[in-house]
N, C-alpha and C. Protein backbone atom coordinates (compact mmCIF):
# COMPACT_ATOMS: atom_id res chain seq x y z
N MET A 1 -4.30 -38.86 15.86
CA MET A 1 -4.50 -37.56 15.27
C MET A 1 -3.81 -36.52 16.16
N SER A 2 -3.05 -35.66 15.54
CA SER A 2 -2.32 -34.67 16.31
C SER A 2 -3.22 -33.46 16.61
N ALA A 3 -2.77 -32.66 17.55
CA ALA A 3 -3.55 -31.48 17.93
C ALA A 3 -3.62 -30.48 16.77
N GLY A 4 -2.53 -30.36 16.02
CA GLY A 4 -2.53 -29.44 14.89
C GLY A 4 -3.49 -29.87 13.80
N HIS A 5 -3.58 -31.18 13.59
CA HIS A 5 -4.48 -31.70 12.57
C HIS A 5 -5.93 -31.42 12.94
N SER A 6 -6.28 -31.62 14.19
CA SER A 6 -7.65 -31.37 14.61
C SER A 6 -7.96 -29.87 14.58
N LEU A 7 -6.96 -29.02 14.84
CA LEU A 7 -7.17 -27.58 14.81
C LEU A 7 -7.47 -27.13 13.38
N ARG A 8 -6.75 -27.69 12.41
CA ARG A 8 -6.97 -27.31 11.02
C ARG A 8 -8.35 -27.73 10.54
N ARG A 9 -8.86 -28.83 11.03
CA ARG A 9 -10.15 -29.31 10.58
C ARG A 9 -11.31 -28.63 11.31
N GLY A 10 -11.05 -27.83 12.32
CA GLY A 10 -12.10 -27.14 13.03
C GLY A 10 -12.67 -27.92 14.19
N TYR A 11 -12.01 -29.03 14.57
CA TYR A 11 -12.53 -29.84 15.68
C TYR A 11 -11.99 -29.38 17.02
N ALA A 12 -11.01 -28.52 17.03
CA ALA A 12 -10.41 -28.10 18.29
C ALA A 12 -11.43 -27.35 19.12
N TYR A 13 -11.43 -27.55 20.39
CA TYR A 13 -12.30 -26.90 21.36
C TYR A 13 -13.77 -27.21 21.12
N GLY A 14 -14.06 -28.23 20.38
CA GLY A 14 -15.44 -28.66 20.18
C GLY A 14 -16.26 -27.73 19.31
N VAL A 15 -15.64 -26.94 18.46
CA VAL A 15 -16.36 -26.01 17.60
C VAL A 15 -16.72 -26.71 16.31
N SER A 16 -17.97 -26.69 15.99
CA SER A 16 -18.44 -27.30 14.74
C SER A 16 -18.27 -26.31 13.60
N THR A 17 -17.97 -26.81 12.41
CA THR A 17 -17.83 -25.91 11.26
C THR A 17 -19.18 -25.34 10.84
N ALA A 18 -20.29 -25.98 11.21
CA ALA A 18 -21.61 -25.47 10.85
C ALA A 18 -21.93 -24.18 11.60
N VAL A 19 -21.29 -23.95 12.72
CA VAL A 19 -21.54 -22.73 13.50
C VAL A 19 -21.07 -21.51 12.72
N HIS A 20 -20.03 -21.66 11.93
CA HIS A 20 -19.43 -20.54 11.24
C HIS A 20 -19.97 -20.34 9.83
N SER A 21 -20.95 -21.10 9.42
CA SER A 21 -21.47 -20.96 8.07
C SER A 21 -22.38 -19.74 7.98
N ALA A 22 -22.56 -19.25 6.77
CA ALA A 22 -23.38 -18.07 6.54
C ALA A 22 -24.86 -18.43 6.67
N PRO A 23 -25.68 -17.46 7.05
CA PRO A 23 -27.11 -17.73 7.15
C PRO A 23 -27.70 -18.03 5.77
N THR A 24 -28.74 -18.85 5.74
CA THR A 24 -29.32 -19.25 4.47
C THR A 24 -30.67 -18.61 4.21
N SER A 25 -31.07 -17.66 5.01
CA SER A 25 -32.37 -17.03 4.81
C SER A 25 -32.32 -16.07 3.62
N GLY A 26 -33.47 -15.74 3.09
CA GLY A 26 -33.57 -14.83 1.97
C GLY A 26 -33.30 -13.39 2.35
N ARG A 27 -33.38 -13.08 3.62
CA ARG A 27 -33.17 -11.71 4.07
C ARG A 27 -31.72 -11.28 3.94
N SER A 28 -30.79 -12.23 3.98
CA SER A 28 -29.38 -11.84 3.86
C SER A 28 -29.08 -11.30 2.47
N THR A 29 -29.78 -11.80 1.46
CA THR A 29 -29.57 -11.30 0.10
C THR A 29 -30.03 -9.86 -0.02
N SER A 30 -31.16 -9.51 0.56
CA SER A 30 -31.62 -8.12 0.50
C SER A 30 -30.70 -7.21 1.30
N ALA A 31 -30.20 -7.69 2.42
CA ALA A 31 -29.26 -6.88 3.21
C ALA A 31 -27.96 -6.68 2.45
N ASP A 32 -27.52 -7.71 1.74
CA ASP A 32 -26.32 -7.56 0.92
C ASP A 32 -26.54 -6.56 -0.20
N MET A 33 -27.72 -6.57 -0.79
CA MET A 33 -28.01 -5.63 -1.87
C MET A 33 -28.05 -4.20 -1.35
N VAL A 34 -28.63 -3.99 -0.19
CA VAL A 34 -28.67 -2.65 0.41
C VAL A 34 -27.26 -2.18 0.72
N SER A 35 -26.43 -3.07 1.26
CA SER A 35 -25.05 -2.71 1.56
C SER A 35 -24.29 -2.34 0.28
N LEU A 36 -24.54 -3.09 -0.78
CA LEU A 36 -23.88 -2.81 -2.06
C LEU A 36 -24.31 -1.45 -2.60
N ILE A 37 -25.58 -1.12 -2.49
CA ILE A 37 -26.08 0.17 -2.98
C ILE A 37 -25.50 1.31 -2.15
N VAL A 38 -25.43 1.14 -0.84
CA VAL A 38 -24.86 2.18 0.03
C VAL A 38 -23.39 2.40 -0.29
N MET A 39 -22.65 1.31 -0.45
CA MET A 39 -21.22 1.45 -0.77
C MET A 39 -21.01 2.11 -2.13
N ALA A 40 -21.83 1.75 -3.12
CA ALA A 40 -21.72 2.36 -4.45
C ALA A 40 -22.03 3.85 -4.38
N THR A 41 -23.02 4.23 -3.58
CA THR A 41 -23.37 5.64 -3.42
C THR A 41 -22.23 6.42 -2.77
N ILE A 42 -21.62 5.83 -1.75
CA ILE A 42 -20.49 6.49 -1.08
C ILE A 42 -19.33 6.69 -2.04
N VAL A 43 -19.01 5.65 -2.82
CA VAL A 43 -17.92 5.76 -3.79
C VAL A 43 -18.25 6.82 -4.83
N PHE A 44 -19.49 6.84 -5.32
CA PHE A 44 -19.89 7.83 -6.31
C PHE A 44 -19.75 9.25 -5.77
N VAL A 45 -20.17 9.48 -4.54
CA VAL A 45 -20.06 10.82 -3.94
C VAL A 45 -18.60 11.21 -3.78
N ILE A 46 -17.75 10.28 -3.34
CA ILE A 46 -16.33 10.59 -3.16
C ILE A 46 -15.69 10.94 -4.50
N VAL A 47 -16.01 10.19 -5.54
CA VAL A 47 -15.45 10.48 -6.87
C VAL A 47 -15.96 11.82 -7.38
N ALA A 48 -17.24 12.11 -7.17
CA ALA A 48 -17.80 13.38 -7.63
C ALA A 48 -17.15 14.56 -6.93
N VAL A 49 -16.95 14.44 -5.63
CA VAL A 49 -16.32 15.53 -4.88
C VAL A 49 -14.86 15.68 -5.26
N ALA A 50 -14.17 14.57 -5.45
CA ALA A 50 -12.75 14.63 -5.79
C ALA A 50 -12.51 15.19 -7.19
N SER A 51 -13.47 15.03 -8.09
CA SER A 51 -13.27 15.47 -9.47
C SER A 51 -13.63 16.94 -9.68
N ASP A 52 -14.33 17.55 -8.75
CA ASP A 52 -14.72 18.95 -8.89
C ASP A 52 -13.95 19.79 -7.87
N PRO A 53 -13.11 20.71 -8.33
CA PRO A 53 -12.31 21.50 -7.39
C PRO A 53 -13.14 22.38 -6.46
N VAL A 54 -14.26 22.90 -6.94
CA VAL A 54 -15.09 23.76 -6.09
C VAL A 54 -15.71 22.94 -4.97
N LEU A 55 -16.25 21.75 -5.31
CA LEU A 55 -16.82 20.87 -4.28
C LEU A 55 -15.74 20.41 -3.31
N ALA A 56 -14.57 20.10 -3.84
CA ALA A 56 -13.49 19.64 -2.97
C ALA A 56 -13.09 20.73 -1.97
N ALA A 57 -13.02 21.97 -2.43
CA ALA A 57 -12.68 23.07 -1.52
C ALA A 57 -13.77 23.29 -0.48
N SER A 58 -15.03 23.18 -0.90
CA SER A 58 -16.13 23.36 0.05
C SER A 58 -16.14 22.27 1.10
N VAL A 59 -15.96 21.03 0.67
CA VAL A 59 -15.93 19.91 1.62
C VAL A 59 -14.74 20.04 2.55
N GLY A 60 -13.60 20.47 2.02
CA GLY A 60 -12.43 20.68 2.87
C GLY A 60 -12.67 21.74 3.92
N ARG A 61 -13.35 22.80 3.53
CA ARG A 61 -13.66 23.87 4.49
C ARG A 61 -14.63 23.38 5.55
N VAL A 62 -15.64 22.59 5.15
CA VAL A 62 -16.62 22.06 6.11
C VAL A 62 -15.94 21.13 7.10
N PHE A 63 -15.11 20.19 6.57
CA PHE A 63 -14.42 19.28 7.48
C PHE A 63 -13.41 20.00 8.36
N GLY A 64 -12.76 21.03 7.84
CA GLY A 64 -11.83 21.80 8.66
C GLY A 64 -12.54 22.51 9.80
N THR A 65 -13.70 23.09 9.49
CA THR A 65 -14.48 23.76 10.53
C THR A 65 -14.98 22.77 11.57
N ALA A 66 -15.49 21.64 11.09
CA ALA A 66 -15.99 20.62 12.02
C ALA A 66 -14.87 20.09 12.90
N TRP A 67 -13.69 19.88 12.31
CA TRP A 67 -12.56 19.36 13.08
C TRP A 67 -12.14 20.37 14.15
N SER A 68 -12.05 21.64 13.80
CA SER A 68 -11.62 22.64 14.78
C SER A 68 -12.67 22.82 15.87
N ASP A 69 -13.96 22.74 15.51
CA ASP A 69 -15.01 22.83 16.53
C ASP A 69 -14.97 21.64 17.47
N ALA A 70 -14.72 20.46 16.93
CA ALA A 70 -14.65 19.26 17.77
C ALA A 70 -13.47 19.33 18.72
N ILE A 71 -12.33 19.79 18.25
CA ILE A 71 -11.15 19.92 19.11
C ILE A 71 -11.40 20.98 20.19
N GLY A 72 -12.03 22.09 19.82
CA GLY A 72 -12.36 23.13 20.80
C GLY A 72 -13.30 22.63 21.87
N PHE A 73 -14.31 21.86 21.46
CA PHE A 73 -15.25 21.28 22.43
C PHE A 73 -14.54 20.31 23.36
N LEU A 74 -13.67 19.47 22.79
CA LEU A 74 -12.94 18.51 23.62
C LEU A 74 -12.02 19.22 24.61
N LEU A 75 -11.37 20.29 24.19
CA LEU A 75 -10.51 21.03 25.10
C LEU A 75 -11.31 21.69 26.21
N ARG A 76 -12.52 22.20 25.89
CA ARG A 76 -13.36 22.79 26.93
C ARG A 76 -13.81 21.74 27.94
N VAL A 77 -14.14 20.54 27.47
CA VAL A 77 -14.59 19.48 28.37
C VAL A 77 -13.44 19.02 29.27
N VAL A 78 -12.26 18.88 28.72
CA VAL A 78 -11.10 18.39 29.48
C VAL A 78 -10.63 19.44 30.47
N SER A 79 -10.75 20.71 30.13
CA SER A 79 -10.20 21.75 31.00
C SER A 79 -11.06 22.00 32.24
N ARG A 80 -12.26 21.48 32.30
CA ARG A 80 -13.12 21.70 33.47
C ARG A 80 -12.64 20.97 34.64
């Protein structure tokens, strides 16, 4: 058996393929569902903000202010 063949099968360096398998507990399903709900909420908010020009302008102003404040704070910290 060549080294490449054993690497493809997962035998290289003594690593078992069972180590890399997904957990089988019931808690992973609930965590996956929570992650799916959070991602759907984020996508919904992004679409809602992008489709409304007033919300988009407000969010742009908020992020612009936050960005300039963060840069100002970083410059004050570095200049000391």
